[in-house]
Amino acid sequence: MGNEKTVEKTGAPSLRNSNIELLRILAMIGIIAHHLGYWGGFEYATDSLSLNQLWVQFIQIGGKIGVVLFIYISGYYLVKADEIKTAKVVKLWLQIFFYSLPVFLVLVLFGIRSFGIMDLIKNCFPVIFQKWWFATAYLLLYILSPFLNRLLKSLDEKQYIGFLLLTGICWCVIPTFTTQYFMGNELLFFVLIYSISGFIRLHKVKIQWSAAKCIVISIILSILTFGSVVAFDILGSKFPFLAENALYLFIFQRSIMVVVIGLIIFIGFLKMNIGYKRVINFISPAMFGVFLIHENDCIRKWLWQDIFKLGSYSNSNVLIPYTILVVAIVFVGCTIIELLRRYSIELLSKPLIRFTSEKIDSASEKLKTFIQNKLKHDQNE
């Protein structure tokens, strides 16, 4: 997702600095922790407050920040691209499909999931039916990126800032203070995030803060944001509405705090220079697969509530170390599964990916030629 090889002046690819690859890994760990807290089946009374409850709430901040980090990374690396790679679109679709229909059928076969015709159809077309909303939005963003890039590159700095202000107000500020999407959706929000990091790349924005300062500021902002959660929890004993929405600034994806904290973290990692770390760069490309596995709607309830039985630990003294262990197990397990898929099924699928992408490119060129000839013919008449 947003991978780009560094190229030396000689034109030969060189080893990528691992700072952004590390950020991808940390973002996915945050997303897993969020899903653990969100789907774990934890139950807490609104008229009391405990350390365990605060912990379950706190770990959920990583989810939405992790999502915007992936889009910041994609925008930064893709914004200069003039066209998409059809082979990558096909490969992404096949990856999504692999973790959809085959997984569904296996779970049905072992009695873990019940069979339904509508479920079968949805798993046959996971992108169209948005089995994973993030996967659908990301794939569409990638397909649209060449057109979006032309728009962004055509804007001068002042126009670009105006564009960011307008879209930021519409799809971030207004939703934060009204909870209304304001004629927006996930894809349009991703366009905003993509454009912000694209601005940093295209206009070579100089950030004076050091990497360490960025990380410290992001931590401080995260703690302050979590303060709103604690305040809402305390007031929630008298005003249940506040308790029910205690995590609003934390898990509402369009929250200004999520966007700002994510941006500062991204800038901090951009300014880092940890060199090339083989293990990090080997693991990082598996992160999208890690997401598809653990957030599969056929798996997540079974994973969090039946296998790990997280809800039963709601008031346990070992909840904190147990949840940390579970996140580690899920991360390592899903990473191994995805790496096995990449180096077996994906390698075997290369001829299919190449054949399909060539056919799509050929059909696209024929369609473009037909339309151009038709337009010329109509103009001549």
Protein backbone atom coordinates (compact mmCIF):
# COMPACT_ATOMS: atom_id res chain seq x y z
CA MET A 1 0.00 0.00 0.00
CA GLY A 2 1.87 2.99 -1.25
CA ASN A 3 5.17 1.16 -1.57
CA GLU A 4 7.78 2.89 -3.68
CA LYS A 5 11.35 1.85 -4.31
CA THR A 6 14.04 4.45 -3.96
CA VAL A 7 15.91 5.01 -7.21
CA GLU A 8 19.47 6.23 -7.39
CA LYS A 9 20.75 8.61 -10.05
CA THR A 10 22.01 5.64 -12.02
CA GLY A 11 18.41 4.46 -12.36
CA ALA A 12 19.03 1.28 -10.38
CA PRO A 13 16.72 0.59 -7.45
CA SER A 14 18.35 0.99 -4.03
CA LEU A 15 17.34 -0.23 -0.62
CA ARG A 16 14.40 1.66 0.89
CA ASN A 17 14.85 3.45 4.17
CA SER A 18 12.77 1.51 6.70
CA ASN A 19 11.21 4.46 8.53
CA ILE A 20 7.92 4.45 6.61
CA GLU A 21 7.89 0.65 6.46
CA LEU A 22 8.10 0.66 10.27
CA LEU A 23 5.26 3.16 10.41
CA ARG A 24 3.07 0.78 8.37
CA ILE A 25 3.75 -1.99 10.86
CA LEU A 26 3.02 0.20 13.89
CA ALA A 27 -0.15 1.54 12.23
CA MET A 28 -1.42 -2.02 11.70
CA ILE A 29 -0.66 -2.97 15.30
CA GLY A 30 -2.73 0.06 16.34
CA ILE A 31 -5.57 -1.07 14.05
CA ILE A 32 -5.53 -4.58 15.54
CA ALA A 33 -5.64 -3.11 19.07
CA HIS A 34 -8.59 -0.94 18.04
CA HIS A 35 -10.50 -3.92 16.65
CA LEU A 36 -9.74 -5.91 19.79
CA GLY A 37 -11.30 -3.19 21.92
CA TYR A 38 -14.21 -2.60 19.52
CA TRP A 39 -15.20 -6.21 18.79
CA GLY A 40 -13.99 -7.88 21.99
CA GLY A 41 -17.39 -7.92 23.66
CA PHE A 42 -16.33 -5.86 26.65
CA GLU A 43 -19.14 -4.59 28.86
CA TYR A 44 -18.83 -1.87 31.48
CA ALA A 45 -21.44 -0.02 33.50
CA THR A 46 -21.91 3.68 32.76
CA ASP A 47 -22.18 4.57 36.46
CA SER A 48 -18.68 3.39 37.39
CA LEU A 49 -15.15 3.67 36.07
CA SER A 50 -12.26 1.20 36.23
CA LEU A 51 -8.69 0.90 35.01
CA ASN A 52 -9.71 -1.94 32.70
CA GLN A 53 -12.41 0.17 31.09
CA LEU A 54 -9.99 3.04 30.53
CA TRP A 55 -7.45 0.62 29.00
CA VAL A 56 -9.99 -0.86 26.57
CA GLN A 57 -10.98 2.66 25.56
CA PHE A 58 -7.38 3.88 25.28
CA ILE A 59 -6.17 1.16 22.91
CA GLN A 60 -8.91 2.05 20.45
CA ILE A 61 -7.22 5.30 19.42
CA GLY A 62 -4.80 3.37 17.22
CA GLY A 63 -7.48 2.25 14.78
CA LYS A 64 -8.51 5.46 13.11
CA ILE A 65 -5.05 7.00 13.36
CA GLY A 66 -3.69 3.84 11.73
CA VAL A 67 -6.13 4.20 8.83
CA VAL A 68 -5.23 7.84 8.11
CA LEU A 69 -1.52 6.95 8.37
CA PHE A 70 -1.90 4.42 5.54
CA ILE A 71 -3.55 7.07 3.36
CA TYR A 72 -0.95 9.71 4.26
CA ILE A 73 1.72 7.23 3.16
CA SER A 74 -0.12 6.44 -0.08
CA GLY A 75 -0.67 10.09 -0.93
CA TYR A 76 2.97 10.96 -0.34
CA TYR A 77 4.27 8.20 -2.60
CA LEU A 78 1.57 8.12 -5.27
CA VAL A 79 0.96 11.83 -5.87
CA LYS A 80 3.66 12.11 -8.55
CA ALA A 81 2.47 9.07 -10.50
CA ASP A 82 1.01 9.76 -13.95
CA GLU A 83 -0.77 6.44 -14.30
CA ILE A 84 -1.74 3.40 -12.28
CA LYS A 85 -0.36 -0.07 -12.77
CA THR A 86 -3.15 -2.35 -13.95
CA ALA A 87 -1.23 -5.35 -12.63
CA LYS A 88 -1.33 -3.84 -9.12
CA VAL A 89 -5.11 -3.33 -9.34
CA VAL A 90 -5.56 -6.96 -10.40
CA LYS A 91 -3.20 -8.15 -7.66
CA LEU A 92 -5.05 -6.14 -5.00
CA TRP A 93 -8.40 -7.45 -6.18
CA LEU A 94 -7.17 -11.05 -6.15
CA GLN A 95 -5.78 -10.55 -2.65
CA ILE A 96 -9.12 -9.21 -1.43
CA PHE A 97 -10.99 -12.03 -3.19
CA PHE A 98 -8.68 -14.68 -1.70
CA TYR A 99 -9.52 -13.60 1.83
CA SER A 100 -13.21 -13.36 0.98
CA LEU A 101 -14.80 -16.31 -0.86
CA PRO A 102 -12.27 -19.09 -0.06
CA VAL A 103 -12.21 -18.13 3.63
CA PHE A 104 -16.02 -17.99 3.73
CA LEU A 105 -16.32 -21.45 2.16
CA VAL A 106 -13.73 -22.97 4.53
CA LEU A 107 -15.51 -21.53 7.58
CA VAL A 108 -18.85 -22.86 6.30
CA LEU A 109 -17.28 -26.28 5.70
CA PHE A 110 -16.06 -26.47 9.30
CA GLY A 111 -19.35 -25.20 10.73
CA ILE A 112 -17.87 -21.96 12.02
CA ARG A 113 -20.05 -19.86 9.73
CA SER A 114 -23.58 -20.56 8.51
CA PHE A 115 -24.27 -20.62 4.76
CA GLY A 116 -26.52 -18.10 3.04
CA ILE A 117 -27.06 -17.23 -0.62
CA MET A 118 -26.68 -13.50 0.01
CA ASP A 119 -23.52 -14.14 2.03
CA LEU A 120 -22.16 -16.19 -0.87
CA ILE A 121 -22.88 -13.39 -3.35
CA LYS A 122 -21.29 -10.76 -1.11
CA ASN A 123 -18.17 -12.86 -0.68
CA CYS A 124 -17.96 -13.39 -4.46
CA PHE A 125 -17.92 -9.61 -4.96
CA PRO A 126 -16.21 -8.25 -1.82
CA VAL A 127 -15.21 -4.91 -3.35
CA ILE A 128 -18.67 -4.08 -4.72
CA PHE A 129 -20.43 -5.07 -1.50
CA GLN A 130 -17.75 -3.38 0.64
CA LYS A 131 -16.94 -6.44 2.74
CA TRP A 132 -14.04 -4.33 3.97
CA TRP A 133 -14.94 -0.66 3.63
CA PHE A 134 -11.27 0.31 3.80
CA ALA A 135 -10.26 -2.10 1.04
CA THR A 136 -12.98 -0.80 -1.29
CA ALA A 137 -12.18 2.86 -0.58
CA TYR A 138 -8.43 2.29 -0.96
CA LEU A 139 -8.77 0.38 -4.24
CA LEU A 140 -10.99 3.13 -5.68
CA LEU A 141 -8.57 5.80 -4.45
CA TYR A 142 -5.69 4.02 -6.19
CA ILE A 143 -7.65 3.73 -9.45
CA LEU A 144 -8.61 7.41 -9.30
CA SER A 145 -5.16 8.59 -8.19
CA PRO A 146 -3.81 9.53 -11.68
CA PHE A 147 -6.78 11.83 -12.26
CA LEU A 148 -6.54 13.27 -8.75
CA ASN A 149 -2.79 13.76 -9.24
CA ARG A 150 -3.35 15.79 -12.41
CA LEU A 151 -5.72 18.05 -10.51
CA LEU A 152 -3.34 18.48 -7.57
CA LYS A 153 -0.29 19.10 -9.77
CA SER A 154 -2.19 21.71 -11.78
CA LEU A 155 -2.80 23.83 -8.65
CA ASP A 156 -0.30 26.42 -7.53
CA GLU A 157 0.52 26.56 -3.82
CA LYS A 158 -2.19 29.12 -2.99
CA GLN A 159 -4.87 27.23 -4.91
CA TYR A 160 -3.78 23.96 -3.32
CA ILE A 161 -4.09 25.44 0.18
CA GLY A 162 -7.55 26.72 -0.72
CA PHE A 163 -8.53 23.24 -1.91
CA LEU A 164 -7.29 21.71 1.36
CA LEU A 165 -9.13 24.31 3.44
CA LEU A 166 -12.40 23.75 1.58
CA THR A 167 -12.27 19.96 1.66
CA GLY A 168 -10.94 20.01 5.22
CA ILE A 169 -13.86 22.12 6.44
CA CYS A 170 -16.41 20.00 4.56
CA TRP A 171 -15.10 16.53 5.35
CA CYS A 172 -13.31 17.03 8.67
CA VAL A 173 -14.26 20.18 10.60
CA ILE A 174 -18.03 20.09 10.02
CA PRO A 175 -18.29 16.32 10.67
CA THR A 176 -16.23 16.69 13.88
CA PHE A 177 -18.59 19.26 15.39
CA THR A 178 -21.89 18.03 13.95
CA THR A 179 -21.36 14.23 13.51
CA GLN A 180 -22.79 14.74 10.01
CA TYR A 181 -20.89 13.46 6.99
CA PHE A 182 -21.91 16.60 5.07
CA MET A 183 -22.27 15.08 1.59
CA GLY A 184 -19.14 13.03 2.15
CA ASN A 185 -18.10 9.40 2.42
CA GLU A 186 -14.97 7.38 3.14
CA LEU A 187 -13.57 7.87 -0.35
CA LEU A 188 -13.91 11.65 -0.26
CA PHE A 189 -12.33 11.73 3.19
CA PHE A 190 -9.44 9.68 1.82
CA VAL A 191 -9.08 12.22 -1.00
CA LEU A 192 -8.58 14.91 1.66
CA ILE A 193 -5.95 12.89 3.56
CA TYR A 194 -4.22 11.88 0.30
CA SER A 195 -4.11 15.52 -0.79
CA ILE A 196 -2.57 16.70 2.50
CA SER A 197 0.45 14.40 2.23
CA GLY A 198 0.54 15.06 -1.52
CA PHE A 199 0.94 18.76 -0.74
CA ILE A 200 3.95 18.00 1.47
CA ARG A 201 5.58 16.06 -1.37
CA LEU A 202 4.70 18.31 -4.32
CA HIS A 203 5.54 21.60 -2.62
CA LYS A 204 8.48 20.23 -0.64
CA VAL A 205 7.13 21.56 2.65
CA LYS A 206 9.90 22.13 5.16
CA ILE A 207 8.99 21.06 8.68
CA GLN A 208 11.25 22.57 11.32
CA TRP A 209 10.28 20.09 14.03
CA SER A 210 12.59 17.15 14.57
CA ALA A 211 11.31 13.59 14.41
CA ALA A 212 11.53 13.30 18.20
CA LYS A 213 9.56 16.53 18.69
CA CYS A 214 6.84 15.32 16.31
CA ILE A 215 6.48 12.05 18.21
CA VAL A 216 6.40 13.82 21.59
CA ILE A 217 3.75 16.29 20.38
CA SER A 218 1.63 13.46 18.93
CA ILE A 219 1.82 11.63 22.27
CA ILE A 220 0.80 14.77 24.18
CA LEU A 221 -2.14 15.38 21.83
CA SER A 222 -3.20 11.74 22.17
CA ILE A 223 -3.16 12.02 25.97
CA LEU A 224 -5.13 15.28 25.85
CA THR A 225 -7.66 13.69 23.52
CA PHE A 226 -7.94 10.74 25.86
CA GLY A 227 -8.66 13.27 28.59
CA SER A 228 -11.97 13.95 26.84
CA VAL A 229 -12.76 10.23 27.12
CA VAL A 230 -12.09 10.25 30.87
CA ALA A 231 -14.16 13.42 31.33
CA PHE A 232 -17.09 11.95 29.40
CA ASP A 233 -16.82 8.73 31.41
CA ILE A 234 -16.99 10.64 34.70
CA LEU A 235 -19.85 12.88 33.59
CA GLY A 236 -21.57 9.87 32.06
CA SER A 237 -22.72 8.68 35.47
CA LYS A 238 -25.12 11.64 35.48
CA PHE A 239 -25.52 12.09 31.73
CA PRO A 240 -25.66 8.64 30.02
CA PHE A 241 -25.45 10.26 26.58
CA LEU A 242 -21.88 11.40 27.33
CA ALA A 243 -20.85 7.93 28.49
CA GLU A 244 -22.26 6.39 25.30
CA ASN A 245 -20.19 8.80 23.20
CA ALA A 246 -17.07 8.95 25.35
CA LEU A 247 -14.84 7.70 22.50
CA TYR A 248 -16.16 10.19 19.95
CA LEU A 249 -12.94 12.16 19.37
CA PHE A 250 -10.96 8.92 19.56
CA ILE A 251 -12.73 6.65 17.10
CA PHE A 252 -14.64 9.06 14.87
CA GLN A 253 -12.44 8.77 11.81
CA ARG A 254 -13.02 12.33 10.61
CA SER A 255 -12.18 13.81 13.97
CA ILE A 256 -9.82 16.76 13.69
CA MET A 257 -7.71 15.20 16.42
CA VAL A 258 -7.30 11.94 14.49
CA VAL A 259 -6.31 13.81 11.32
CA VAL A 260 -3.85 16.11 13.12
CA ILE A 261 -2.26 13.44 15.31
CA GLY A 262 -1.87 11.16 12.30
CA LEU A 263 -0.27 13.93 10.27
CA ILE A 264 2.25 14.80 12.99
CA ILE A 265 3.19 11.12 13.42
CA PHE A 266 3.60 10.79 9.64
CA ILE A 267 5.85 13.85 9.47
CA GLY A 268 7.88 12.54 12.41
CA PHE A 269 8.55 9.24 10.65
CA LEU A 270 9.34 11.05 7.39
CA LYS A 271 12.10 12.90 9.21
CA MET A 272 13.53 9.75 10.76
CA ASN A 273 16.48 7.96 9.27
CA ILE A 274 16.79 4.47 10.68
CA GLY A 275 18.44 3.13 7.54
CA TYR A 276 17.55 -0.13 5.84
CA LYS A 277 16.27 -2.91 8.10
CA ARG A 278 15.72 -6.14 6.19
CA VAL A 279 13.21 -7.62 8.66
CA ILE A 280 11.07 -4.48 8.69
CA ASN A 281 11.01 -4.20 4.90
CA PHE A 282 10.23 -7.91 4.60
CA ILE A 283 7.24 -7.74 6.99
CA SER A 284 5.80 -4.38 5.95
CA PRO A 285 4.22 -5.44 2.60
CA ALA A 286 2.13 -8.01 4.48
CA MET A 287 0.18 -5.39 6.43
CA PHE A 288 -2.76 -5.12 4.04
CA GLY A 289 -3.18 -8.88 4.26
CA VAL A 290 -3.03 -8.70 8.06
CA PHE A 291 -5.95 -6.26 7.91
CA LEU A 292 -7.97 -8.45 5.51
CA ILE A 293 -7.53 -11.52 7.72
CA HIS A 294 -8.36 -10.24 11.17
CA GLU A 295 -11.07 -7.79 10.09
CA ASN A 296 -12.91 -10.32 7.90
CA ASP A 297 -16.57 -10.12 8.99
CA CYS A 298 -16.70 -13.92 8.86
CA ILE A 299 -13.85 -14.16 11.36
CA ARG A 300 -13.77 -11.22 13.75
CA LYS A 301 -16.51 -12.28 16.23
CA TRP A 302 -15.19 -15.84 16.24
CA LEU A 303 -11.63 -14.57 16.66
CA TRP A 304 -12.12 -12.04 19.45
CA GLN A 305 -15.05 -13.49 21.38
CA ASP A 306 -14.90 -17.26 20.81
CA ILE A 307 -11.18 -18.01 20.52
CA PHE A 308 -9.71 -15.41 22.86
CA LYS A 309 -12.92 -14.88 24.91
CA LEU A 310 -11.97 -11.28 25.57
CA GLY A 311 -15.30 -10.28 27.07
CA SER A 312 -14.77 -12.67 29.96
CA TYR A 313 -11.65 -10.71 30.92
CA SER A 314 -13.51 -7.39 31.22
CA ASN A 315 -12.88 -7.12 34.95
CA SER A 316 -9.87 -9.42 35.22
CA ASN A 317 -6.64 -8.32 36.88
CA VAL A 318 -4.71 -9.70 33.88
CA LEU A 319 -6.72 -7.88 31.20
CA ILE A 320 -3.93 -5.46 30.23
CA PRO A 321 -1.16 -8.04 29.74
CA TYR A 322 -3.65 -10.46 28.16
CA THR A 323 -4.81 -7.94 25.53
CA ILE A 324 -1.19 -7.06 24.71
CA LEU A 325 -0.46 -10.77 24.25
CA VAL A 326 -3.54 -11.24 22.05
CA VAL A 327 -2.59 -8.31 19.81
CA ALA A 328 0.89 -9.79 19.42
CA ILE A 329 -0.48 -13.26 18.61
CA VAL A 330 -2.95 -11.92 16.04
CA PHE A 331 -0.31 -9.71 14.44
CA VAL A 332 2.30 -12.48 14.17
CA GLY A 333 -0.22 -15.12 13.09
CA CYS A 334 -1.81 -12.96 10.39
CA THR A 335 1.60 -11.81 9.16
CA ILE A 336 2.78 -15.40 8.76
CA ILE A 337 -0.41 -16.36 6.88
CA GLU A 338 -0.09 -13.39 4.52
CA LEU A 339 3.61 -13.99 3.87
CA LEU A 340 2.85 -17.63 3.06
CA ARG A 341 0.17 -16.47 0.61
CA ARG A 342 2.49 -13.91 -0.98
CA TYR A 343 5.28 -16.41 -1.53
CA SER A 344 3.06 -19.25 -2.73
CA ILE A 345 -0.33 -18.39 -4.20
CA GLU A 346 0.63 -14.87 -5.32
CA LEU A 347 3.78 -16.12 -7.02
CA LEU A 348 1.82 -18.86 -8.76
CA SER A 349 -0.76 -16.26 -9.81
CA LYS A 350 1.77 -14.03 -11.59
CA PRO A 351 0.95 -15.43 -15.09
CA LEU A 352 -2.76 -14.89 -14.41
CA ILE A 353 -2.14 -11.35 -13.13
CA ARG A 354 0.02 -10.54 -16.17
CA PHE A 355 -2.51 -12.04 -18.62
CA THR A 356 -5.49 -10.28 -17.02
CA SER A 357 -3.76 -6.90 -16.80
CA GLU A 358 -2.65 -7.10 -20.44
CA LYS A 359 -6.20 -7.91 -21.54
CA ILE A 360 -7.58 -5.01 -19.49
CA ASP A 361 -4.95 -2.63 -20.92
CA SER A 362 -5.69 -3.83 -24.45
CA ALA A 363 -9.45 -3.45 -24.04
CA SER A 364 -8.94 0.00 -22.49
CA GLU A 365 -6.81 1.17 -25.41
CA LYS A 366 -9.36 -0.13 -27.92
CA LEU A 367 -12.15 1.65 -26.09
CA LYS A 368 -10.16 4.92 -25.99
CA THR A 369 -9.42 4.63 -29.73
CA PHE A 370 -13.06 3.91 -30.52
CA ILE A 371 -14.26 6.92 -28.52
CA GLN A 372 -11.65 9.22 -30.07
CA ASN A 373 -12.54 8.08 -33.60
CA LYS A 374 -16.22 8.47 -32.83
CA LEU A 375 -15.70 12.01 -31.57
CA LYS A 376 -13.62 12.93 -34.64
CA HIS A 377 -16.26 11.43 -36.93
CA ASP A 378 -19.04 13.40 -35.24
CA GLN A 379 -16.98 16.63 -35.44
CA ASN A 380 -16.33 16.12 -39.16
CA GLU A 381 -20.01 15.68 -39.80
